[in-house]
């Protein structure tokens, strides 16, 4: 029998992953926000712009689109390496997570870019 002041077993003392989050710098928070929210919104807006204009396949507008994609990748990489980024589940980001993000971003961006130019 355990005493009333003993600590509970670790499996019953589960906490929300963000409950033990460390303080994040303003730069780290902005970096994270850039690839999670700001960048995807900018990319979507740029796709809408591309679909309403008639750009060539190799125009400055297409270069601008791929520059945003490159900035998203850079933001994710900097968050991972420079600010100890974490996943939405609260665990530390790994190389596999970064590769998955790259694959998803390149696939969805390429598909969106082709669709926008074809319209």
PDB file of N, CA and C in Angstrom:
ATOM      1  N   UNK A   1       0.849  -1.184   0.000  1.00  0.00           N
ATOM      2  CA  UNK A   1       0.000   0.000   0.000  1.00  0.00           C
ATOM      3  C   UNK A   1       0.885   1.235   0.000  1.00  0.00           C
ATOM      4  N   UNK A   2       0.537   2.205  -0.764  1.00  0.00           N
ATOM      5  CA  UNK A   2       1.344   3.410  -0.849  1.00  0.00           C
ATOM      6  C   UNK A   2       0.801   4.481   0.076  1.00  0.00           C
ATOM      7  N   UNK A   3       1.679   5.358   0.471  1.00  0.00           N
ATOM      8  CA  UNK A   3       1.265   6.444   1.354  1.00  0.00           C
ATOM      9  C   UNK A   3       0.562   7.514   0.538  1.00  0.00           C
ATOM     10  N   UNK A   4      -0.280   8.334   1.166  1.00  0.00           N
ATOM     11  CA  UNK A   4      -1.038   9.349   0.429  1.00  0.00           C
ATOM     12  C   UNK A   4      -0.153  10.414  -0.222  1.00  0.00           C
ATOM     13  N   UNK A   5       1.056  10.595   0.257  1.00  0.00           N
ATOM     14  CA  UNK A   5       1.900  11.631  -0.314  1.00  0.00           C
ATOM     15  C   UNK A   5       2.840  11.105  -1.392  1.00  0.00           C
ATOM     16  N   UNK A   6       2.703   9.844  -1.780  1.00  0.00           N
ATOM     17  CA  UNK A   6       3.576   9.300  -2.826  1.00  0.00           C
ATOM     18  C   UNK A   6       3.129   9.811  -4.194  1.00  0.00           C
ATOM     19  N   UNK A   7       4.056   9.849  -5.115  1.00  0.00           N
ATOM     20  CA  UNK A   7       3.736  10.335  -6.457  1.00  0.00           C
ATOM     21  C   UNK A   7       3.009   9.255  -7.238  1.00  0.00           C
ATOM     22  N   UNK A   8       2.093   9.640  -8.078  1.00  0.00           N
ATOM     23  CA  UNK A   8       1.348   8.649  -8.863  1.00  0.00           C
ATOM     24  C   UNK A   8       2.252   8.030  -9.919  1.00  0.00           C
ATOM     25  N   UNK A   9       1.917   6.845 -10.387  1.00  0.00           N
ATOM     26  CA  UNK A   9       2.694   6.234 -11.466  1.00  0.00           C
ATOM     27  C   UNK A   9       2.681   7.130 -12.696  1.00  0.00           C
ATOM     28  N   UNK A  10       3.728   7.017 -13.511  1.00  0.00           N
ATOM     29  CA  UNK A  10       3.873   7.915 -14.658  1.00  0.00           C
ATOM     30  C   UNK A  10       2.767   7.743 -15.696  1.00  0.00           C
ATOM     31  N   UNK A  11       2.174   6.558 -15.803  1.00  0.00           N
ATOM     32  CA  UNK A  11       1.130   6.374 -16.809  1.00  0.00           C
ATOM     33  C   UNK A  11      -0.172   7.073 -16.451  1.00  0.00           C
ATOM     34  N   UNK A  12      -0.377   7.419 -15.175  1.00  0.00           N
ATOM     35  CA  UNK A  12      -1.598   8.143 -14.814  1.00  0.00           C
ATOM     36  C   UNK A  12      -1.366   9.647 -14.733  1.00  0.00           C
ATOM     37  N   UNK A  13      -0.128  10.063 -14.811  1.00  0.00           N
ATOM     38  CA  UNK A  13       0.193  11.484 -14.697  1.00  0.00           C
ATOM     39  C   UNK A  13       0.442  12.108 -16.061  1.00  0.00           C
ATOM     40  N   UNK A  14      -0.283  11.707 -17.056  1.00  0.00           N
ATOM     41  CA  UNK A  14      -0.100  12.266 -18.396  1.00  0.00           C
ATOM     42  C   UNK A  14      -0.614  13.690 -18.441  1.00  0.00           C
ATOM     43  N   UNK A  15       0.153  14.496 -19.148  1.00  0.00           N
ATOM     44  CA  UNK A  15      -0.217  15.896 -19.304  1.00  0.00           C
ATOM     45  C   UNK A  15      -0.307  16.222 -20.779  1.00  0.00           C
ATOM     46  N   UNK A  16      -0.986  17.280 -21.069  1.00  0.00           N
ATOM     47  CA  UNK A  16      -1.074  17.757 -22.439  1.00  0.00           C
ATOM     48  C   UNK A  16       0.326  18.138 -22.905  1.00  0.00           C
ATOM     49  N   UNK A  17       0.697  17.834 -24.184  1.00  0.00           N
ATOM     50  CA  UNK A  17       2.051  18.126 -24.660  1.00  0.00           C
ATOM     51  C   UNK A  17       2.438  19.596 -24.549  1.00  0.00           C
ATOM     52  N   UNK A  18       1.486  20.496 -24.677  1.00  0.00           N
ATOM     53  CA  UNK A  18       1.812  21.909 -24.610  1.00  0.00           C
ATOM     54  C   UNK A  18       1.869  22.430 -23.180  1.00  0.00           C
ATOM     55  N   UNK A  19       1.453  21.612 -22.207  1.00  0.00           N
ATOM     56  CA  UNK A  19       1.469  22.051 -20.823  1.00  0.00           C
ATOM     57  C   UNK A  19       2.887  22.241 -20.313  1.00  0.00           C
ATOM     58  N   UNK A  20       3.838  21.532 -20.868  1.00  0.00           N
ATOM     59  CA  UNK A  20       5.220  21.665 -20.434  1.00  0.00           C
ATOM     60  C   UNK A  20       6.070  22.375 -21.485  1.00  0.00           C
ATOM     61  N   UNK A  21       5.444  23.136 -22.354  1.00  0.00           N
ATOM     62  CA  UNK A  21       6.172  23.820 -23.425  1.00  0.00           C
ATOM     63  C   UNK A  21       7.117  24.864 -22.848  1.00  0.00           C
ATOM     64  N   UNK A  22       8.259  24.985 -23.495  1.00  0.00           N
ATOM     65  CA  UNK A  22       9.231  25.980 -23.076  1.00  0.00           C
ATOM     66  C   UNK A  22       8.826  27.334 -23.635  1.00  0.00           C
ATOM     67  N   UNK A  23       9.382  28.367 -23.048  1.00  0.00           N
ATOM     68  CA  UNK A  23       9.147  29.705 -23.567  1.00  0.00           C
ATOM     69  C   UNK A  23       9.839  29.833 -24.917  1.00  0.00           C
ATOM     70  N   UNK A  24       9.128  30.343 -25.902  1.00  0.00           N
ATOM     71  CA  UNK A  24       9.648  30.468 -27.250  1.00  0.00           C
ATOM     72  C   UNK A  24       9.947  31.939 -27.521  1.00  0.00           C
ATOM     73  N   UNK A  25      11.071  32.204 -28.173  1.00  0.00           N
ATOM     74  CA  UNK A  25      11.407  33.582 -28.505  1.00  0.00           C
ATOM     75  C   UNK A  25      10.444  34.114 -29.565  1.00  0.00           C
ATOM     76  N   UNK A  26      10.411  35.422 -29.696  1.00  0.00           N
ATOM     77  CA  UNK A  26       9.544  36.037 -30.705  1.00  0.00           C
ATOM     78  C   UNK A  26       9.973  35.615 -32.108  1.00  0.00           C
ATOM     79  N   UNK A  27      11.278  35.503 -32.324  1.00  0.00           N
ATOM     80  CA  UNK A  27      11.777  35.073 -33.632  1.00  0.00           C
ATOM     81  C   UNK A  27      11.363  33.640 -33.916  1.00  0.00           C
ATOM     82  N   UNK A  28      11.477  32.772 -32.920  1.00  0.00           N
ATOM     83  CA  UNK A  28      11.060  31.378 -33.087  1.00  0.00           C
ATOM     84  C   UNK A  28       9.571  31.255 -33.354  1.00  0.00           C
ATOM     85  N   UNK A  29       8.786  32.051 -32.647  1.00  0.00           N
ATOM     86  CA  UNK A  29       7.334  32.017 -32.848  1.00  0.00           C
ATOM     87  C   UNK A  29       6.970  32.516 -34.251  1.00  0.00           C
ATOM     88  N   UNK A  30       7.625  33.580 -34.715  1.00  0.00           N
ATOM     89  CA  UNK A  30       7.343  34.093 -36.056  1.00  0.00           C
ATOM     90  C   UNK A  30       7.778  33.086 -37.120  1.00  0.00           C
ATOM     91  N   UNK A  31       8.931  32.445 -36.907  1.00  0.00           N
ATOM     92  CA  UNK A  31       9.403  31.436 -37.859  1.00  0.00           C
ATOM     93  C   UNK A  31       8.388  30.313 -37.979  1.00  0.00           C
ATOM     94  N   UNK A  32       7.898  29.850 -36.852  1.00  0.00           N
ATOM     95  CA  UNK A  32       6.905  28.779 -36.861  1.00  0.00           C
ATOM     96  C   UNK A  32       5.614  29.234 -37.528  1.00  0.00           C
ATOM     97  N   UNK A  33       5.177  30.427 -37.192  1.00  0.00           N
ATOM     98  CA  UNK A  33       3.951  30.968 -37.774  1.00  0.00           C
ATOM     99  C   UNK A  33       4.084  31.150 -39.283  1.00  0.00           C
ATOM    100  N   UNK A  34       5.300  31.454 -39.742  1.00  0.00           N
ATOM    101  CA  UNK A  34       5.506  31.698 -41.172  1.00  0.00           C
ATOM    102  C   UNK A  34       5.268  30.449 -42.011  1.00  0.00           C
ATOM    103  N   UNK A  35       5.723  29.288 -41.569  1.00  0.00           N
ATOM    104  CA  UNK A  35       5.531  28.103 -42.399  1.00  0.00           C
ATOM    105  C   UNK A  35       4.219  27.382 -42.090  1.00  0.00           C
ATOM    106  N   UNK A  36       3.610  27.673 -40.951  1.00  0.00           N
ATOM    107  CA  UNK A  36       2.335  27.029 -40.618  1.00  0.00           C
ATOM    108  C   UNK A  36       1.141  27.809 -41.171  1.00  0.00           C
ATOM    109  N   UNK A  37       1.200  29.147 -41.128  1.00  0.00           N
ATOM    110  CA  UNK A  37       0.023  29.941 -41.471  1.00  0.00           C
ATOM    111  C   UNK A  37       0.274  30.973 -42.569  1.00  0.00           C
ATOM    112  N   UNK A  38       1.241  31.837 -42.374  1.00  0.00           N
ATOM    113  CA  UNK A  38       1.452  32.953 -43.301  1.00  0.00           C
ATOM    114  C   UNK A  38       1.847  32.459 -44.693  1.00  0.00           C
ATOM    115  N   UNK A  39       2.821  31.557 -44.765  1.00  0.00           N
ATOM    116  CA  UNK A  39       3.287  31.043 -46.052  1.00  0.00           C
ATOM    117  C   UNK A  39       2.206  30.333 -46.853  1.00  0.00           C
ATOM    118  N   UNK A  40       1.482  29.391 -46.242  1.00  0.00           N
ATOM    119  CA  UNK A  40       0.422  28.724 -47.010  1.00  0.00           C
ATOM    120  C   UNK A  40      -0.670  29.675 -47.500  1.00  0.00           C
ATOM    121  N   UNK A  41      -0.997  30.691 -46.713  1.00  0.00           N
ATOM    122  CA  UNK A  41      -1.994  31.664 -47.168  1.00  0.00           C
ATOM    123  C   UNK A  41      -1.444  32.447 -48.357  1.00  0.00           C
ATOM    124  N   UNK A  42      -0.177  32.863 -48.266  1.00  0.00           N
ATOM    125  CA  UNK A  42       0.450  33.581 -49.383  1.00  0.00           C
ATOM    126  C   UNK A  42       0.516  32.699 -50.629  1.00  0.00           C
ATOM    127  N   UNK A  43       0.820  31.429 -50.444  1.00  0.00           N
ATOM    128  CA  UNK A  43       0.901  30.503 -51.574  1.00  0.00           C
ATOM    129  C   UNK A  43      -0.464  30.330 -52.234  1.00  0.00           C
ATOM    130  N   UNK A  44      -1.496  30.187 -51.432  1.00  0.00           N
ATOM    131  CA  UNK A  44      -2.846  30.056 -51.974  1.00  0.00           C
ATOM    132  C   UNK A  44      -3.271  31.325 -52.711  1.00  0.00           C
ATOM    133  N   UNK A  45      -2.978  32.481 -52.134  1.00  0.00           N
ATOM    134  CA  UNK A  45      -3.313  33.751 -52.803  1.00  0.00           C
ATOM    135  C   UNK A  45      -2.571  33.875 -54.123  1.00  0.00           C
ATOM    136  N   UNK A  46      -1.324  33.463 -54.137  1.00  0.00           N
ATOM    137  CA  UNK A  46      -0.527  33.534 -55.367  1.00  0.00           C
ATOM    138  C   UNK A  46      -1.078  32.564 -56.418  1.00  0.00           C
ATOM    139  N   UNK A  47      -1.520  31.392 -55.984  1.00  0.00           N
ATOM    140  CA  UNK A  47      -2.137  30.449 -56.927  1.00  0.00           C
ATOM    141  C   UNK A  47      -3.404  31.031 -57.537  1.00  0.00           C
ATOM    142  N   UNK A  48      -4.212  31.687 -56.718  1.00  0.00           N
ATOM    143  CA  UNK A  48      -5.419  32.327 -57.248  1.00  0.00           C
ATOM    144  C   UNK A  48      -5.056  33.409 -58.259  1.00  0.00           C
ATOM    145  N   UNK A  49      -4.009  34.163 -57.975  1.00  0.00           N
ATOM    146  CA  UNK A  49      -3.545  35.185 -58.912  1.00  0.00           C
ATOM    147  C   UNK A  49      -3.081  34.541 -60.220  1.00  0.00           C
ATOM    148  N   UNK A  50      -2.297  33.470 -60.120  1.00  0.00           N
ATOM    149  CA  UNK A  50      -1.820  32.786 -61.332  1.00  0.00           C
ATOM    150  C   UNK A  50      -2.974  32.236 -62.162  1.00  0.00           C
ATOM    151  N   UNK A  51      -4.011  31.750 -61.497  1.00  0.00           N
ATOM    152  CA  UNK A  51      -5.130  31.171 -62.242  1.00  0.00           C
ATOM    153  C   UNK A  51      -5.972  32.227 -62.939  1.00  0.00           C
ATOM    154  N   UNK A  52      -5.921  33.463 -62.469  1.00  0.00           N
ATOM    155  CA  UNK A  52      -6.723  34.531 -63.081  1.00  0.00           C
ATOM    156  C   UNK A  52      -5.961  35.314 -64.142  1.00  0.00           C
ATOM    157  N   UNK A  53      -4.651  35.172 -64.180  1.00  0.00           N
ATOM    158  CA  UNK A  53      -3.856  35.832 -65.220  1.00  0.00           C
ATOM    159  C   UNK A  53      -3.472  34.782 -66.251  1.00  0.00           C
ATOM    160  N   UNK A  54      -2.751  35.189 -67.241  1.00  0.00           N
ATOM    161  CA  UNK A  54      -2.326  34.237 -68.268  1.00  0.00           C
ATOM    162  C   UNK A  54      -0.795  34.241 -68.357  1.00  0.00           C
ATOM    163  N   UNK A  55      -0.123  33.771 -67.302  1.00  0.00           N
ATOM    164  CA  UNK A  55       1.341  33.793 -67.321  1.00  0.00           C
ATOM    165  C   UNK A  55       1.909  32.643 -68.156  1.00  0.00           C
ATOM    166  N   UNK A  56       3.109  32.848 -68.629  1.00  0.00           N
ATOM    167  CA  UNK A  56       3.813  31.773 -69.329  1.00  0.00           C
ATOM    168  C   UNK A  56       4.338  30.788 -68.290  1.00  0.00           C
ATOM    169  N   UNK A  57       4.707  29.618 -68.746  1.00  0.00           N
ATOM    170  CA  UNK A  57       5.208  28.594 -67.827  1.00  0.00           C
ATOM    171  C   UNK A  57       6.489  29.036 -67.134  1.00  0.00           C
ATOM    172  N   UNK A  58       7.278  29.841 -67.808  1.00  0.00           N
ATOM    173  CA  UNK A  58       8.544  30.303 -67.230  1.00  0.00           C
ATOM    174  C   UNK A  58       8.535  31.816 -67.079  1.00  0.00           C
ATOM    175  N   UNK A  59       7.537  32.338 -66.425  1.00  0.00           N
ATOM    176  CA  UNK A  59       7.432  33.780 -66.232  1.00  0.00           C
ATOM    177  C   UNK A  59       7.944  34.164 -64.847  1.00  0.00           C
ATOM    178  N   UNK A  60       8.066  35.474 -64.625  1.00  0.00           N
ATOM    179  CA  UNK A  60       8.464  35.969 -63.315  1.00  0.00           C
ATOM    180  C   UNK A  60       7.423  35.604 -62.269  1.00  0.00           C
ATOM    181  N   UNK A  61       6.177  35.498 -62.691  1.00  0.00           N
ATOM    182  CA  UNK A  61       5.128  35.120 -61.740  1.00  0.00           C
ATOM    183  C   UNK A  61       5.331  33.690 -61.245  1.00  0.00           C
ATOM    184  N   UNK A  62       5.737  32.795 -62.133  1.00  0.00           N
ATOM    185  CA  UNK A  62       6.017  31.424 -61.715  1.00  0.00           C
ATOM    186  C   UNK A  62       7.247  31.369 -60.817  1.00  0.00           C
ATOM    187  N   UNK A  63       8.238  32.188 -61.132  1.00  0.00           N
ATOM    188  CA  UNK A  63       9.434  32.247 -60.285  1.00  0.00           C
ATOM    189  C   UNK A  63       9.057  32.745 -58.895  1.00  0.00           C
ATOM    190  N   UNK A  64       8.163  33.725 -58.829  1.00  0.00           N
ATOM    191  CA  UNK A  64       7.684  34.224 -57.536  1.00  0.00           C
ATOM    192  C   UNK A  64       6.976  33.151 -56.734  1.00  0.00           C
ATOM    193  N   UNK A  65       6.173  32.341 -57.415  1.00  0.00           N
ATOM    194  CA  UNK A  65       5.479  31.245 -56.741  1.00  0.00           C
ATOM    195  C   UNK A  65       6.474  30.267 -56.130  1.00  0.00           C
ATOM    196  N   UNK A  66       7.469  29.853 -56.910  1.00  0.00           N
ATOM    197  CA  UNK A  66       8.449  28.890 -56.409  1.00  0.00           C
ATOM    198  C   UNK A  66       9.367  29.507 -55.361  1.00  0.00           C
ATOM    199  N   UNK A  67       9.523  30.824 -55.383  1.00  0.00           N
ATOM    200  CA  UNK A  67      10.275  31.496 -54.320  1.00  0.00           C
ATOM    201  C   UNK A  67       9.530  31.388 -52.983  1.00  0.00           C
ATOM    202  N   UNK A  68       8.209  31.504 -53.021  1.00  0.00           N
ATOM    203  CA  UNK A  68       7.417  31.340 -51.801  1.00  0.00           C
ATOM    204  C   UNK A  68       7.557  29.906 -51.287  1.00  0.00           C
ATOM    205  N   UNK A  69       7.523  28.923 -52.179  1.00  0.00           N
ATOM    206  CA  UNK A  69       7.704  27.530 -51.781  1.00  0.00           C
ATOM    207  C   UNK A  69       9.071  27.355 -51.115  1.00  0.00           C
ATOM    208  N   UNK A  70      10.112  27.945 -51.711  1.00  0.00           N
ATOM    209  CA  UNK A  70      11.461  27.844 -51.139  1.00  0.00           C
ATOM    210  C   UNK A  70      11.513  28.492 -49.749  1.00  0.00           C
ATOM    211  N   UNK A  71      10.826  29.617 -49.572  1.00  0.00           N
ATOM    212  CA  UNK A  71      10.792  30.268 -48.264  1.00  0.00           C
ATOM    213  C   UNK A  71      10.065  29.420 -47.233  1.00  0.00           C
ATOM    214  N   UNK A  72       9.017  28.731 -47.651  1.00  0.00           N
ATOM    215  CA  UNK A  72       8.323  27.818 -46.740  1.00  0.00           C
ATOM    216  C   UNK A  72       9.259  26.697 -46.282  1.00  0.00           C
ATOM    217  N   UNK A  73       9.993  26.126 -47.225  1.00  0.00           N
ATOM    218  CA  UNK A  73      10.947  25.067 -46.871  1.00  0.00           C
ATOM    219  C   UNK A  73      12.033  25.597 -45.942  1.00  0.00           C
ATOM    220  N   UNK A  74      12.525  26.787 -46.244  1.00  0.00           N
ATOM    221  CA  UNK A  74      13.548  27.390 -45.393  1.00  0.00           C
ATOM    222  C   UNK A  74      13.000  27.662 -43.988  1.00  0.00           C
ATOM    223  N   UNK A  75      11.785  28.165 -43.903  1.00  0.00           N
ATOM    224  CA  UNK A  75      11.164  28.421 -42.608  1.00  0.00           C
ATOM    225  C   UNK A  75      11.009  27.157 -41.781  1.00  0.00           C
ATOM    226  N   UNK A  76      10.590  26.083 -42.437  1.00  0.00           N
ATOM    227  CA  UNK A  76      10.434  24.805 -41.717  1.00  0.00           C
ATOM    228  C   UNK A  76      11.783  24.287 -41.247  1.00  0.00           C
ATOM    229  N   UNK A  77      12.809  24.412 -42.091  1.00  0.00           N
ATOM    230  CA  UNK A  77      14.143  23.941 -41.734  1.00  0.00           C
ATOM    231  C   UNK A  77      14.720  24.753 -40.569  1.00  0.00           C
ATOM    232  N   UNK A  78      14.571  26.066 -40.637  1.00  0.00           N
ATOM    233  CA  UNK A  78      15.081  26.920 -39.567  1.00  0.00           C
ATOM    234  C   UNK A  78      14.346  26.641 -38.261  1.00  0.00           C
ATOM    235  N   UNK A  79      13.042  26.432 -38.331  1.00  0.00           N
ATOM    236  CA  UNK A  79      12.279  26.094 -37.129  1.00  0.00           C
ATOM    237  C   UNK A  79      12.787  24.791 -36.523  1.00  0.00           C
ATOM    238  N   UNK A  80      13.066  23.814 -37.359  1.00  0.00           N
ATOM    239  CA  UNK A  80      13.535  22.507 -36.893  1.00  0.00           C
ATOM    240  C   UNK A  80      14.937  22.594 -36.304  1.00  0.00           C
ATOM    241  N   UNK A  81      15.865  23.185 -37.034  1.00  0.00           N
ATOM    242  CA  UNK A  81      17.260  23.200 -36.610  1.00  0.00           C
ATOM    243  C   UNK A  81      17.591  24.329 -35.636  1.00  0.00           C
ATOM    244  N   UNK A  82      17.028  25.501 -35.859  1.00  0.00           N
ATOM    245  CA  UNK A  82      17.402  26.653 -35.055  1.00  0.00           C
ATOM    246  C   UNK A  82      16.574  26.883 -33.817  1.00  0.00           C
ATOM    247  N   UNK A  83      15.326  26.433 -33.834  1.00  0.00           N
ATOM    248  CA  UNK A  83      14.433  26.715 -32.721  1.00  0.00           C
ATOM    249  C   UNK A  83      13.821  25.449 -32.123  1.00  0.00           C
ATOM    250  N   UNK A  84      14.436  24.309 -32.369  1.00  0.00           N
ATOM    251  CA  UNK A  84      13.958  23.031 -31.822  1.00  0.00           C
ATOM    252  C   UNK A  84      12.463  22.841 -32.051  1.00  0.00           C
ATOM    253  N   UNK A  85      12.059  22.955 -33.309  1.00  0.00           N
ATOM    254  CA  UNK A  85      10.655  22.824 -33.658  1.00  0.00           C
ATOM    255  C   UNK A  85      10.065  21.501 -33.207  1.00  0.00           C
ATOM    256  N   UNK A  86       8.767  21.502 -33.032  1.00  0.00           N
ATOM    257  CA  UNK A  86       8.075  20.290 -32.620  1.00  0.00           C
ATOM    258  C   UNK A  86       6.890  20.043 -33.540  1.00  0.00           C
ATOM    259  N   UNK A  87       6.393  18.830 -33.489  1.00  0.00           N
ATOM    260  CA  UNK A  87       5.237  18.477 -34.298  1.00  0.00           C
ATOM    261  C   UNK A  87       3.969  18.967 -33.611  1.00  0.00           C
ATOM    262  N   UNK A  88       2.843  18.824 -34.261  1.00  0.00           N
ATOM    263  CA  UNK A  88       1.577  19.231 -33.660  1.00  0.00           C
ATOM    264  C   UNK A  88       1.213  18.367 -32.458  1.00  0.00           C
ATOM    265  N   UNK A  89       1.814  17.180 -32.374  1.00  0.00           N
ATOM    266  CA  UNK A  89       1.570  16.302 -31.231  1.00  0.00           C
ATOM    267  C   UNK A  89       2.464  16.643 -30.046  1.00  0.00           C
ATOM    268  N   UNK A  90       3.398  17.575 -30.235  1.00  0.00           N
ATOM    269  CA  UNK A  90       4.261  18.007 -29.151  1.00  0.00           C
ATOM    270  C   UNK A  90       5.592  17.287 -29.065  1.00  0.00           C
ATOM    271  N   UNK A  91       5.870  16.369 -29.981  1.00  0.00           N
ATOM    272  CA  UNK A  91       7.165  15.686 -29.926  1.00  0.00           C
ATOM    273  C   UNK A  91       8.167  16.411 -30.803  1.00  0.00           C
ATOM    274  N   UNK A  92       9.444  16.178 -30.546  1.00  0.00           N
ATOM    275  CA  UNK A  92      10.499  16.865 -31.291  1.00  0.00           C
ATOM    276  C   UNK A  92      10.466  16.471 -32.763  1.00  0.00           C
ATOM    277  N   UNK A  93      10.732  17.433 -33.623  1.00  0.00           N
ATOM    278  CA  UNK A  93      10.761  17.191 -35.061  1.00  0.00           C
ATOM    279  C   UNK A  93      11.984  16.367 -35.422  1.00  0.00           C
ATOM    280  N   UNK A  94      11.799  15.426 -36.335  1.00  0.00           N
ATOM    281  CA  UNK A  94      12.895  14.580 -36.797  1.00  0.00           C
ATOM    282  C   UNK A  94      13.139  14.830 -38.288  1.00  0.00           C
ATOM    283  N   UNK A  95      14.205  14.222 -38.790  1.00  0.00           N
ATOM    284  CA  UNK A  95      14.490  14.311 -40.221  1.00  0.00           C
ATOM    285  C   UNK A  95      13.343  13.717 -41.037  1.00  0.00           C
ATOM    286  N   UNK A  96      12.747  12.647 -40.539  1.00  0.00           N
ATOM    287  CA  UNK A  96      11.615  12.032 -41.241  1.00  0.00           C
ATOM    288  C   UNK A  96      10.438  13.002 -41.341  1.00  0.00           C
ATOM    289  N   UNK A  97      10.188  13.774 -40.293  1.00  0.00           N
ATOM    290  CA  UNK A  97       9.119  14.779 -40.327  1.00  0.00           C
ATOM    291  C   UNK A  97       9.417  15.851 -41.368  1.00  0.00           C
ATOM    292  N   UNK A  98      10.671  16.294 -41.415  1.00  0.00           N
ATOM    293  CA  UNK A  98      11.064  17.314 -42.391  1.00  0.00           C
ATOM    294  C   UNK A  98      10.924  16.780 -43.811  1.00  0.00           C
ATOM    295  N   UNK A  99      11.367  15.555 -44.048  1.00  0.00           N
ATOM    296  CA  UNK A  99      11.248  14.961 -45.385  1.00  0.00           C
ATOM    297  C   UNK A  99       9.789  14.813 -45.794  1.00  0.00           C
ATOM    298  N   UNK A 100       8.943  14.441 -44.847  1.00  0.00           N
ATOM    299  CA  UNK A 100       7.513  14.314 -45.127  1.00  0.00           C
ATOM    300  C   UNK A 100       6.921  15.673 -45.507  1.00  0.00           C
ATOM    301  N   UNK A 101       7.338  16.726 -44.806  1.00  0.00           N
ATOM    302  CA  UNK A 101       6.862  18.073 -45.120  1.00  0.00           C
ATOM    303  C   UNK A 101       7.327  18.495 -46.515  1.00  0.00           C
ATOM    304  N   UNK A 102       8.589  18.217 -46.844  1.00  0.00           N
ATOM    305  CA  UNK A 102       9.120  18.564 -48.168  1.00  0.00           C
ATOM    306  C   UNK A 102       8.327  17.844 -49.249  1.00  0.00           C
ATOM    307  N   UNK A 103       8.099  16.549 -49.068  1.00  0.00           N
ATOM    308  CA  UNK A 103       7.361  15.769 -50.070  1.00  0.00           C
ATOM    309  C   UNK A 103       5.937  16.301 -50.235  1.00  0.00           C
ATOM    310  N   UNK A 104       5.271  16.574 -49.123  1.00  0.00           N
ATOM    311  CA  UNK A 104       3.904  17.085 -49.184  1.00  0.00           C
ATOM    312  C   UNK A 104       3.859  18.452 -49.857  1.00  0.00           C
ATOM    313  N   UNK A 105       4.762  19.348 -49.442  1.00  0.00           N
ATOM    314  CA  UNK A 105       4.756  20.701 -49.992  1.00  0.00           C
ATOM    315  C   UNK A 105       5.072  20.704 -51.486  1.00  0.00           C
ATOM    316  N   UNK A 106       6.060  19.932 -51.901  1.00  0.00           N
ATOM    317  CA  UNK A 106       6.427  19.913 -53.317  1.00  0.00           C
ATOM    318  C   UNK A 106       5.316  19.285 -54.167  1.00  0.00           C
ATOM    319  N   UNK A 107       4.700  18.236 -53.675  1.00  0.00           N
ATOM    320  CA  UNK A 107       3.617  17.582 -54.415  1.00  0.00           C
ATOM    321  C   UNK A 107       2.402  18.502 -54.539  1.00  0.00           C
ATOM    322  N   UNK A 108       1.975  19.064 -53.419  1.00  0.00           N
ATOM    323  CA  UNK A 108       0.786  19.918 -53.463  1.00  0.00           C
ATOM    324  C   UNK A 108       1.061  21.225 -54.215  1.00  0.00           C
ATOM    325  N   UNK A 109       2.242  21.803 -54.048  1.00  0.00           N
ATOM    326  CA  UNK A 109       2.579  23.037 -54.760  1.00  0.00           C
ATOM    327  C   UNK A 109       2.687  22.800 -56.263  1.00  0.00           C
ATOM    328  N   UNK A 110       3.335  21.710 -56.640  1.00  0.00           N
ATOM    329  CA  UNK A 110       3.462  21.391 -58.061  1.00  0.00           C
ATOM    330  C   UNK A 110       2.118  21.150 -58.712  1.00  0.00           C
ATOM    331  N   UNK A 111       1.264  20.421 -58.019  1.00  0.00           N
ATOM    332  CA  UNK A 111      -0.078  20.152 -58.540  1.00  0.00           C
ATOM    333  C   UNK A 111      -0.876  21.447 -58.665  1.00  0.00           C
ATOM    334  N   UNK A 112      -0.820  22.282 -57.634  1.00  0.00           N
ATOM    335  CA  UNK A 112      -1.541  23.557 -57.672  1.00  0.00           C
ATOM    336  C   UNK A 112      -1.022  24.479 -58.752  1.00  0.00           C
ATOM    337  N   UNK A 113       0.305  24.515 -58.919  1.00  0.00           N
ATOM    338  CA  UNK A 113       0.920  25.369 -59.942  1.00  0.00           C
ATOM    339  C   UNK A 113       0.491  24.933 -61.337  1.00  0.00           C
ATOM    340  N   UNK A 114       0.542  23.620 -61.591  1.00  0.00           N
ATOM    341  CA  UNK A 114       0.118  23.108 -62.905  1.00  0.00           C
ATOM    342  C   UNK A 114      -1.362  23.393 -63.154  1.00  0.00           C
ATOM    343  N   UNK A 115      -2.184  23.208 -62.149  1.00  0.00           N
ATOM    344  CA  UNK A 115      -3.619  23.461 -62.304  1.00  0.00           C
ATOM    345  C   UNK A 115      -3.883  24.945 -62.556  1.00  0.00           C
ATOM    346  N   UNK A 116      -3.170  25.824 -61.833  1.00  0.00           N
ATOM    347  CA  UNK A 116      -3.385  27.259 -61.997  1.00  0.00           C
ATOM    348  C   UNK A 116      -2.975  27.716 -63.403  1.00  0.00           C
ATOM    349  N   UNK A 117      -1.901  27.160 -63.934  1.00  0.00           N
ATOM    350  CA  UNK A 117      -1.466  27.556 -65.273  1.00  0.00           C
ATOM    351  C   UNK A 117      -2.330  26.952 -66.367  1.00  0.00           C
ATOM    352  N   UNK A 118      -2.942  25.818 -66.064  1.00  0.00           N
ATOM    353  CA  UNK A 118      -3.780  25.163 -67.068  1.00  0.00           C
ATOM    354  C   UNK A 118      -5.168  25.820 -67.177  1.00  0.00           C
ATOM    355  N   UNK A 119      -5.570  26.535 -66.160  1.00  0.00           N
ATOM    356  CA  UNK A 119      -6.910  27.158 -66.180  1.00  0.00           C
ATOM    357  C   UNK A 119      -6.976  28.331 -67.081  1.00  0.00           C
TER     358      UNK A 119
END
